[in-house]
Amino acid sequence: MTRTGPTDERTTTRAEYCVIACAEAWRGDGEILASPMGTVPSVAARLARLTFSPELLLTDGEALLIGDVPAIGAASAVTEGWLPYRRHLTMVSGGRRHVMMGASQIDRFGNQNISCIGDWERPARQLLGVRGAPANTVNNPVSYWIPKHSPRVFVPKVDMISGVGYDSAAAAGPAASRFHELRRVVSDLGVFDFATPDHSLRVVSLHPGVTPGRVREATGFALAVPDDVPCTREPTAEELRLIRDVVDPRGLREREVRA
């Protein structure tokens, strides 16, 4: 789609559709800490704060809560509070955080792996380790951002569970399932959730130009696909202006998503 006007005369890019889809994950969250991991989620969280979720809390990426919305890579000029690591952990355990993490592997029930590829005893590849994924997924709303949708990422079974999926949370009992909520999975092909009877992954929308056949080919398990799949919503002219001129004027989002 081509928009008119001095700011919006360019065609909306795939990366910008991804930004919109990620931003929508925080819609209606209220006063909660947005913790985006990755360039596109970081642009998205700032866009959400500037538009439909003005109460979102943002950080400078280190230990400060910020009161403004600087461009990606720019320093904040307004400090609202101090958020050292120990207070951050308290916030996580209290559920006042919505993190958008990445995944080296994710399966049909939302189990996430960021630790290793292959057998635990002798992995073919060592990754980050589980980090905060277990606590995130059992205490807070969690979404995922996958910049390259492929069968290597969307796998039948993860090699190690870092972030807890719906089947694992149910098997562990109320201690894991009580506050467990996987809100969204956004990839460069579309938007997905787990709103099926067995909490398996389903298509919510596909980005323009992506067909159901394409997303099935790129997914390593049977995916729930409705008969009539909508397109990911278009950004408004004002949202495009904010993305391009205010939040990400250097166009860093385009480096994270294939054309």
C-alpha atoms as a PDB file:
ATOM      1  CA  MET A   1       0.000   0.000   0.000  1.00  0.00           C
ATOM      2  CA  THR A   2       1.271   3.485  -0.869  1.00  0.00           C
ATOM      3  CA  ARG A   3       0.313   6.419   1.302  1.00  0.00           C
ATOM      4  CA  THR A   4       0.224  10.065   0.356  1.00  0.00           C
ATOM      5  CA  GLY A   5       1.758  13.031   2.115  1.00  0.00           C
ATOM      6  CA  PRO A   6       5.299  14.301   2.764  1.00  0.00           C
ATOM      7  CA  THR A   7       6.082  11.665   5.391  1.00  0.00           C
ATOM      8  CA  ASP A   8       4.079   8.695   4.158  1.00  0.00           C
ATOM      9  CA  GLU A   9       4.702   8.660   0.417  1.00  0.00           C
ATOM     10  CA  ARG A  10       6.737   5.452   0.635  1.00  0.00           C
ATOM     11  CA  THR A  11       5.149   2.013   0.571  1.00  0.00           C
ATOM     12  CA  THR A  12       4.672   0.523   4.023  1.00  0.00           C
ATOM     13  CA  THR A  13       7.479  -1.976   4.524  1.00  0.00           C
ATOM     14  CA  ARG A  14       7.315  -5.465   6.004  1.00  0.00           C
ATOM     15  CA  ALA A  15       9.296  -4.195   8.998  1.00  0.00           C
ATOM     16  CA  GLU A  16       6.680  -1.512   9.627  1.00  0.00           C
ATOM     17  CA  TYR A  17       3.876  -4.070   9.584  1.00  0.00           C
ATOM     18  CA  CYS A  18       5.907  -6.034  12.141  1.00  0.00           C
ATOM     19  CA  VAL A  19       6.250  -2.916  14.300  1.00  0.00           C
ATOM     20  CA  ILE A  20       2.484  -2.400  14.249  1.00  0.00           C
ATOM     21  CA  ALA A  21       1.852  -6.061  15.101  1.00  0.00           C
ATOM     22  CA  CYS A  22       4.295  -5.968  18.006  1.00  0.00           C
ATOM     23  CA  ALA A  23       2.881  -2.683  19.314  1.00  0.00           C
ATOM     24  CA  GLU A  24      -0.610  -4.210  19.390  1.00  0.00           C
ATOM     25  CA  ALA A  25       0.621  -6.791  21.912  1.00  0.00           C
ATOM     26  CA  TRP A  26       0.814  -4.002  24.522  1.00  0.00           C
ATOM     27  CA  ARG A  27      -2.605  -2.520  23.736  1.00  0.00           C
ATOM     28  CA  GLY A  28      -4.679  -2.181  26.885  1.00  0.00           C
ATOM     29  CA  ASP A  29      -1.873  -3.182  29.256  1.00  0.00           C
ATOM     30  CA  GLY A  30      -2.158  -0.023  31.360  1.00  0.00           C
ATOM     31  CA  GLU A  31       0.606   0.939  33.783  1.00  0.00           C
ATOM     32  CA  ILE A  32       2.918  -2.002  33.264  1.00  0.00           C
ATOM     33  CA  LEU A  33       6.586  -2.283  32.359  1.00  0.00           C
ATOM     34  CA  ALA A  34       7.131  -2.993  28.679  1.00  0.00           C
ATOM     35  CA  SER A  35      10.316  -5.028  28.198  1.00  0.00           C
ATOM     36  CA  PRO A  36      11.066  -5.309  24.480  1.00  0.00           C
ATOM     37  CA  MET A  37      14.010  -7.383  23.266  1.00  0.00           C
ATOM     38  CA  GLY A  38      15.121  -6.553  19.733  1.00  0.00           C
ATOM     39  CA  THR A  39      14.919  -3.501  17.494  1.00  0.00           C
ATOM     40  CA  VAL A  40      11.414  -4.017  16.121  1.00  0.00           C
ATOM     41  CA  PRO A  41       9.887  -4.652  19.596  1.00  0.00           C
ATOM     42  CA  SER A  42      11.730  -1.588  20.940  1.00  0.00           C
ATOM     43  CA  VAL A  43      10.286   0.596  18.176  1.00  0.00           C
ATOM     44  CA  ALA A  44       6.891  -0.995  18.817  1.00  0.00           C
ATOM     45  CA  ALA A  45       6.877  -0.353  22.569  1.00  0.00           C
ATOM     46  CA  ARG A  46       7.726   3.310  21.997  1.00  0.00           C
ATOM     47  CA  LEU A  47       5.029   3.593  19.350  1.00  0.00           C
ATOM     48  CA  ALA A  48       2.464   2.043  21.704  1.00  0.00           C
ATOM     49  CA  ARG A  49       3.459   4.507  24.439  1.00  0.00           C
ATOM     50  CA  LEU A  50       3.059   7.446  22.029  1.00  0.00           C
ATOM     51  CA  THR A  51      -0.355   6.305  20.777  1.00  0.00           C
ATOM     52  CA  PHE A  52      -2.819   3.852  22.307  1.00  0.00           C
ATOM     53  CA  SER A  53      -0.975   2.792  25.489  1.00  0.00           C
ATOM     54  CA  PRO A  54       0.253   6.050  27.075  1.00  0.00           C
ATOM     55  CA  GLU A  55       0.576   4.527  30.573  1.00  0.00           C
ATOM     56  CA  LEU A  56       3.252   2.005  29.564  1.00  0.00           C
ATOM     57  CA  LEU A  57       6.469   2.190  31.554  1.00  0.00           C
ATOM     58  CA  LEU A  58       9.706   2.244  29.568  1.00  0.00           C
ATOM     59  CA  THR A  59      13.322   1.926  30.639  1.00  0.00           C
ATOM     60  CA  ASP A  60      16.572   3.218  29.221  1.00  0.00           C
ATOM     61  CA  GLY A  61      17.653  -0.396  28.753  1.00  0.00           C
ATOM     62  CA  GLU A  62      19.703  -0.338  31.954  1.00  0.00           C
ATOM     63  CA  ALA A  63      18.470   0.839  35.358  1.00  0.00           C
ATOM     64  CA  LEU A  64      16.263   3.891  34.830  1.00  0.00           C
ATOM     65  CA  LEU A  65      12.565   4.362  34.205  1.00  0.00           C
ATOM     66  CA  ILE A  66      12.207   7.097  31.601  1.00  0.00           C
ATOM     67  CA  GLY A  67       9.479   9.690  31.248  1.00  0.00           C
ATOM     68  CA  ASP A  68       9.987  10.556  27.589  1.00  0.00           C
ATOM     69  CA  VAL A  69      10.118   8.520  24.385  1.00  0.00           C
ATOM     70  CA  PRO A  70      13.510   9.039  22.748  1.00  0.00           C
ATOM     71  CA  ALA A  71      14.441   7.678  19.357  1.00  0.00           C
ATOM     72  CA  ILE A  72      16.083   4.256  19.263  1.00  0.00           C
ATOM     73  CA  GLY A  73      19.715   4.718  20.279  1.00  0.00           C
ATOM     74  CA  ALA A  74      19.178   8.218  21.727  1.00  0.00           C
ATOM     75  CA  ALA A  75      19.534   9.112  25.401  1.00  0.00           C
ATOM     76  CA  SER A  76      16.481   9.893  27.490  1.00  0.00           C
ATOM     77  CA  ALA A  77      16.123  13.423  28.836  1.00  0.00           C
ATOM     78  CA  VAL A  78      13.544  12.600  31.534  1.00  0.00           C
ATOM     79  CA  THR A  79      14.150  10.146  34.396  1.00  0.00           C
ATOM     80  CA  GLU A  80      11.113   8.993  36.355  1.00  0.00           C
ATOM     81  CA  GLY A  81      12.689   6.426  38.645  1.00  0.00           C
ATOM     82  CA  TRP A  82      15.460   4.004  39.476  1.00  0.00           C
ATOM     83  CA  LEU A  83      15.000   0.357  38.539  1.00  0.00           C
ATOM     84  CA  PRO A  84      18.056  -1.634  39.632  1.00  0.00           C
ATOM     85  CA  TYR A  85      18.226  -5.362  38.998  1.00  0.00           C
ATOM     86  CA  ARG A  86      16.806  -6.426  42.359  1.00  0.00           C
ATOM     87  CA  ARG A  87      13.744  -4.182  41.920  1.00  0.00           C
ATOM     88  CA  HIS A  88      13.336  -5.425  38.386  1.00  0.00           C
ATOM     89  CA  LEU A  89      13.160  -8.994  39.698  1.00  0.00           C
ATOM     90  CA  THR A  90      10.530  -7.958  42.250  1.00  0.00           C
ATOM     91  CA  MET A  91       8.471  -6.445  39.443  1.00  0.00           C
ATOM     92  CA  VAL A  92       8.798  -9.651  37.428  1.00  0.00           C
ATOM     93  CA  SER A  93       7.565 -11.803  40.313  1.00  0.00           C
ATOM     94  CA  GLY A  94       4.644  -9.445  40.864  1.00  0.00           C
ATOM     95  CA  GLY A  95       3.370  -9.699  37.287  1.00  0.00           C
ATOM     96  CA  ARG A  96       3.693  -5.985  36.454  1.00  0.00           C
ATOM     97  CA  ARG A  97       5.712  -6.594  33.328  1.00  0.00           C
ATOM     98  CA  HIS A  98       5.011  -7.667  29.750  1.00  0.00           C
ATOM     99  CA  VAL A  99       8.159  -8.891  28.066  1.00  0.00           C
ATOM    100  CA  MET A 100       8.557  -9.531  24.342  1.00  0.00           C
ATOM    101  CA  MET A 101      11.374 -12.053  24.031  1.00  0.00           C
ATOM    102  CA  GLY A 102      13.050 -13.789  21.136  1.00  0.00           C
ATOM    103  CA  ALA A 103      13.292 -17.536  20.582  1.00  0.00           C
ATOM    104  CA  SER A 104      15.883 -19.749  18.947  1.00  0.00           C
ATOM    105  CA  GLN A 105      13.175 -22.426  18.921  1.00  0.00           C
ATOM    106  CA  ILE A 106       9.470 -22.334  19.729  1.00  0.00           C
ATOM    107  CA  ASP A 107       6.963 -25.182  19.503  1.00  0.00           C
ATOM    108  CA  ARG A 108       3.219 -25.401  18.901  1.00  0.00           C
ATOM    109  CA  PHE A 109       2.373 -24.934  22.611  1.00  0.00           C
ATOM    110  CA  GLY A 110       4.723 -21.972  23.103  1.00  0.00           C
ATOM    111  CA  ASN A 111       7.677 -23.681  24.776  1.00  0.00           C
ATOM    112  CA  GLN A 112      10.705 -21.529  23.986  1.00  0.00           C
ATOM    113  CA  ASN A 113      14.384 -22.434  23.762  1.00  0.00           C
ATOM    114  CA  ILE A 114      17.231 -19.933  24.004  1.00  0.00           C
ATOM    115  CA  SER A 115      19.702 -22.250  25.714  1.00  0.00           C
ATOM    116  CA  CYS A 116      21.160 -24.865  23.360  1.00  0.00           C
ATOM    117  CA  ILE A 117      20.596 -26.701  20.103  1.00  0.00           C
ATOM    118  CA  GLY A 118      20.853 -30.485  20.276  1.00  0.00           C
ATOM    119  CA  ASP A 119      21.149 -32.830  23.212  1.00  0.00           C
ATOM    120  CA  TRP A 120      21.754 -31.187  26.592  1.00  0.00           C
ATOM    121  CA  GLU A 121      24.668 -33.501  27.396  1.00  0.00           C
ATOM    122  CA  ARG A 122      26.495 -32.644  24.174  1.00  0.00           C
ATOM    123  CA  PRO A 123      24.792 -29.742  22.385  1.00  0.00           C
ATOM    124  CA  ALA A 124      25.618 -28.927  18.796  1.00  0.00           C
ATOM    125  CA  ARG A 125      25.406 -25.249  19.662  1.00  0.00           C
ATOM    126  CA  GLN A 126      25.474 -23.376  22.965  1.00  0.00           C
ATOM    127  CA  LEU A 127      23.201 -20.326  23.128  1.00  0.00           C
ATOM    128  CA  LEU A 128      22.360 -17.773  25.846  1.00  0.00           C
ATOM    129  CA  GLY A 129      21.165 -20.090  28.596  1.00  0.00           C
ATOM    130  CA  VAL A 130      17.682 -19.953  30.080  1.00  0.00           C
ATOM    131  CA  ARG A 131      18.248 -16.456  31.523  1.00  0.00           C
ATOM    132  CA  GLY A 132      15.004 -15.054  32.956  1.00  0.00           C
ATOM    133  CA  ALA A 133      12.694 -16.990  30.641  1.00  0.00           C
ATOM    134  CA  PRO A 134      11.212 -19.381  33.263  1.00  0.00           C
ATOM    135  CA  ALA A 135      10.261 -16.603  35.690  1.00  0.00           C
ATOM    136  CA  ASN A 136       9.002 -14.378  32.879  1.00  0.00           C
ATOM    137  CA  THR A 137       6.672 -17.007  31.486  1.00  0.00           C
ATOM    138  CA  VAL A 138       5.092 -18.132  34.765  1.00  0.00           C
ATOM    139  CA  ASN A 139       4.650 -14.662  36.286  1.00  0.00           C
ATOM    140  CA  ASN A 140       3.982 -12.155  33.493  1.00  0.00           C
ATOM    141  CA  PRO A 141       2.297 -11.784  30.129  1.00  0.00           C
ATOM    142  CA  VAL A 142       4.876 -12.825  27.524  1.00  0.00           C
ATOM    143  CA  SER A 143       5.004 -12.331  23.776  1.00  0.00           C
ATOM    144  CA  TYR A 144       7.596 -13.440  21.255  1.00  0.00           C
ATOM    145  CA  TRP A 145       9.252 -11.721  18.295  1.00  0.00           C
ATOM    146  CA  ILE A 146      10.729 -13.965  15.579  1.00  0.00           C
ATOM    147  CA  PRO A 147      12.408 -11.931  12.806  1.00  0.00           C
ATOM    148  CA  LYS A 148      12.933 -14.936  10.522  1.00  0.00           C
ATOM    149  CA  HIS A 149      10.072 -17.432  10.445  1.00  0.00           C
ATOM    150  CA  SER A 150      11.423 -20.850   9.493  1.00  0.00           C
ATOM    151  CA  PRO A 151      11.117 -24.563  10.378  1.00  0.00           C
ATOM    152  CA  ARG A 152      14.407 -24.247  12.264  1.00  0.00           C
ATOM    153  CA  VAL A 153      12.703 -21.883  14.714  1.00  0.00           C
ATOM    154  CA  PHE A 154       9.111 -23.182  14.688  1.00  0.00           C
ATOM    155  CA  VAL A 155       9.882 -26.779  15.647  1.00  0.00           C
ATOM    156  CA  PRO A 156       7.736 -29.779  16.708  1.00  0.00           C
ATOM    157  CA  LYS A 157       9.586 -29.978  20.031  1.00  0.00           C
ATOM    158  CA  VAL A 158      12.195 -27.633  21.476  1.00  0.00           C
ATOM    159  CA  ASP A 159      15.564 -29.127  22.410  1.00  0.00           C
ATOM    160  CA  MET A 160      15.341 -27.530  25.853  1.00  0.00           C
ATOM    161  CA  ILE A 161      12.529 -25.653  27.564  1.00  0.00           C
ATOM    162  CA  SER A 162      13.642 -22.185  28.606  1.00  0.00           C
ATOM    163  CA  GLY A 163      10.336 -20.338  28.438  1.00  0.00           C
ATOM    164  CA  VAL A 164       7.334 -22.352  29.618  1.00  0.00           C
ATOM    165  CA  GLY A 165       4.622 -23.253  27.114  1.00  0.00           C
ATOM    166  CA  TYR A 166       0.984 -24.086  27.785  1.00  0.00           C
ATOM    167  CA  ASP A 167       1.411 -27.857  27.931  1.00  0.00           C
ATOM    168  CA  SER A 168       4.393 -27.583  30.261  1.00  0.00           C
ATOM    169  CA  ALA A 169       2.631 -25.104  32.540  1.00  0.00           C
ATOM    170  CA  ALA A 170      -0.423 -27.378  32.764  1.00  0.00           C
ATOM    171  CA  ALA A 171       1.765 -30.392  33.551  1.00  0.00           C
ATOM    172  CA  ALA A 172       3.574 -28.491  36.312  1.00  0.00           C
ATOM    173  CA  GLY A 173       0.303 -27.512  37.987  1.00  0.00           C
ATOM    174  CA  PRO A 174      -1.157 -24.280  39.427  1.00  0.00           C
ATOM    175  CA  ALA A 175       2.199 -22.898  40.568  1.00  0.00           C
ATOM    176  CA  ALA A 176       3.189 -22.573  36.903  1.00  0.00           C
ATOM    177  CA  SER A 177      -0.178 -22.122  35.214  1.00  0.00           C
ATOM    178  CA  ARG A 178      -1.924 -19.641  37.528  1.00  0.00           C
ATOM    179  CA  PHE A 179      -0.437 -16.501  35.959  1.00  0.00           C
ATOM    180  CA  HIS A 180       0.832 -18.064  32.743  1.00  0.00           C
ATOM    181  CA  GLU A 181      -0.165 -16.101  29.622  1.00  0.00           C
ATOM    182  CA  LEU A 182       1.473 -16.158  26.212  1.00  0.00           C
ATOM    183  CA  ARG A 183      -0.077 -13.143  24.527  1.00  0.00           C
ATOM    184  CA  ARG A 184       1.279 -13.046  20.977  1.00  0.00           C
ATOM    185  CA  VAL A 185       3.898 -14.425  18.638  1.00  0.00           C
ATOM    186  CA  VAL A 186       4.889 -12.000  15.888  1.00  0.00           C
ATOM    187  CA  SER A 187       7.149 -13.050  13.036  1.00  0.00           C
ATOM    188  CA  ASP A 188       8.170 -11.551   9.723  1.00  0.00           C
ATOM    189  CA  LEU A 189       5.288 -13.527   8.175  1.00  0.00           C
ATOM    190  CA  GLY A 190       2.396 -12.853  10.510  1.00  0.00           C
ATOM    191  CA  VAL A 191       0.783 -12.700  13.937  1.00  0.00           C
ATOM    192  CA  PHE A 192      -0.104 -15.777  15.991  1.00  0.00           C
ATOM    193  CA  ASP A 193      -1.667 -16.667  19.326  1.00  0.00           C
ATOM    194  CA  PHE A 194      -2.668 -19.727  21.344  1.00  0.00           C
ATOM    195  CA  ALA A 195      -6.438 -19.179  21.469  1.00  0.00           C
ATOM    196  CA  THR A 196      -7.345 -22.741  20.469  1.00  0.00           C
ATOM    197  CA  PRO A 197      -8.973 -25.431  22.657  1.00  0.00           C
ATOM    198  CA  ASP A 198      -5.624 -27.122  23.304  1.00  0.00           C
ATOM    199  CA  HIS A 199      -3.629 -23.863  23.410  1.00  0.00           C
ATOM    200  CA  SER A 200      -1.702 -24.665  20.244  1.00  0.00           C
ATOM    201  CA  LEU A 201      -0.425 -21.981  17.890  1.00  0.00           C
ATOM    202  CA  ARG A 202      -2.862 -20.474  15.405  1.00  0.00           C
ATOM    203  CA  VAL A 203      -2.720 -17.737  12.781  1.00  0.00           C
ATOM    204  CA  VAL A 204      -4.277 -14.406  13.775  1.00  0.00           C
ATOM    205  CA  SER A 205      -3.213 -12.433  10.703  1.00  0.00           C
ATOM    206  CA  LEU A 206      -0.661 -12.580   7.916  1.00  0.00           C
ATOM    207  CA  HIS A 207       1.361  -9.645   6.650  1.00  0.00           C
ATOM    208  CA  PRO A 208       0.507  -8.406   3.140  1.00  0.00           C
ATOM    209  CA  GLY A 209       1.935 -10.670   0.462  1.00  0.00           C
ATOM    210  CA  VAL A 210       2.156 -13.736   2.746  1.00  0.00           C
ATOM    211  CA  THR A 211      -0.084 -16.695   1.893  1.00  0.00           C
ATOM    212  CA  PRO A 212      -1.295 -19.459   4.240  1.00  0.00           C
ATOM    213  CA  GLY A 213       0.730 -21.912   2.155  1.00  0.00           C
ATOM    214  CA  ARG A 214       3.887 -19.901   2.682  1.00  0.00           C
ATOM    215  CA  VAL A 215       3.491 -19.816   6.464  1.00  0.00           C
ATOM    216  CA  ARG A 216       2.682 -23.534   6.581  1.00  0.00           C
ATOM    217  CA  GLU A 217       5.890 -24.293   4.654  1.00  0.00           C
ATOM    218  CA  ALA A 218       7.878 -22.183   7.116  1.00  0.00           C
ATOM    219  CA  THR A 219       6.443 -23.912  10.203  1.00  0.00           C
ATOM    220  CA  GLY A 220       7.712 -27.272  11.406  1.00  0.00           C
ATOM    221  CA  PHE A 221       4.380 -28.456  12.844  1.00  0.00           C
ATOM    222  CA  ALA A 222       0.679 -28.403  12.009  1.00  0.00           C
ATOM    223  CA  LEU A 223      -0.547 -24.841  12.395  1.00  0.00           C
ATOM    224  CA  ALA A 224      -4.142 -23.811  13.028  1.00  0.00           C
ATOM    225  CA  VAL A 225      -5.117 -21.616  10.069  1.00  0.00           C
ATOM    226  CA  PRO A 226      -8.653 -20.177   9.806  1.00  0.00           C
ATOM    227  CA  ASP A 227     -10.495 -20.369   6.516  1.00  0.00           C
ATOM    228  CA  ASP A 228     -10.472 -16.601   6.112  1.00  0.00           C
ATOM    229  CA  VAL A 229      -7.134 -15.174   7.257  1.00  0.00           C
ATOM    230  CA  PRO A 230      -7.094 -11.384   7.696  1.00  0.00           C
ATOM    231  CA  CYS A 231      -4.148  -9.171   6.829  1.00  0.00           C
ATOM    232  CA  THR A 232      -2.187  -7.514   9.612  1.00  0.00           C
ATOM    233  CA  ARG A 233      -3.687  -4.092  10.077  1.00  0.00           C
ATOM    234  CA  GLU A 234      -2.337  -1.104   8.212  1.00  0.00           C
ATOM    235  CA  PRO A 235      -0.466   1.575  10.170  1.00  0.00           C
ATOM    236  CA  THR A 236      -2.178   4.934  10.184  1.00  0.00           C
ATOM    237  CA  ALA A 237      -0.467   7.923   8.603  1.00  0.00           C
ATOM    238  CA  GLU A 238       0.328   9.250  12.095  1.00  0.00           C
ATOM    239  CA  GLU A 239       1.797   5.918  13.194  1.00  0.00           C
ATOM    240  CA  LEU A 240       4.017   5.851  10.110  1.00  0.00           C
ATOM    241  CA  ARG A 241       5.162   9.403  10.864  1.00  0.00           C
ATOM    242  CA  LEU A 242       6.045   8.443  14.429  1.00  0.00           C
ATOM    243  CA  ILE A 243       7.893   5.294  13.338  1.00  0.00           C
ATOM    244  CA  ARG A 244       9.878   7.006  10.572  1.00  0.00           C
ATOM    245  CA  ASP A 245      10.475  10.490  11.949  1.00  0.00           C
ATOM    246  CA  VAL A 246      10.353  10.177  15.749  1.00  0.00           C
ATOM    247  CA  VAL A 247      11.093   6.687  17.049  1.00  0.00           C
ATOM    248  CA  ASP A 248      13.357   5.188  14.378  1.00  0.00           C
ATOM    249  CA  PRO A 249      14.571   7.933  12.025  1.00  0.00           C
ATOM    250  CA  ARG A 250      17.689   5.898  11.172  1.00  0.00           C
ATOM    251  CA  GLY A 251      15.586   3.030   9.855  1.00  0.00           C
ATOM    252  CA  LEU A 252      17.155   0.404  12.104  1.00  0.00           C
ATOM    253  CA  ARG A 253      13.960  -1.661  11.899  1.00  0.00           C
ATOM    254  CA  GLU A 254      14.715  -2.475   8.255  1.00  0.00           C
ATOM    255  CA  ARG A 255      17.925  -4.284   9.220  1.00  0.00           C
ATOM    256  CA  GLU A 256      16.022  -6.792  11.340  1.00  0.00           C
ATOM    257  CA  VAL A 257      13.362  -7.836   8.811  1.00  0.00           C
ATOM    258  CA  ARG A 258      13.869  -9.181   5.315  1.00  0.00           C
ATOM    259  CA  ALA A 259      12.424  -7.127   2.496  1.00  0.00           C
END
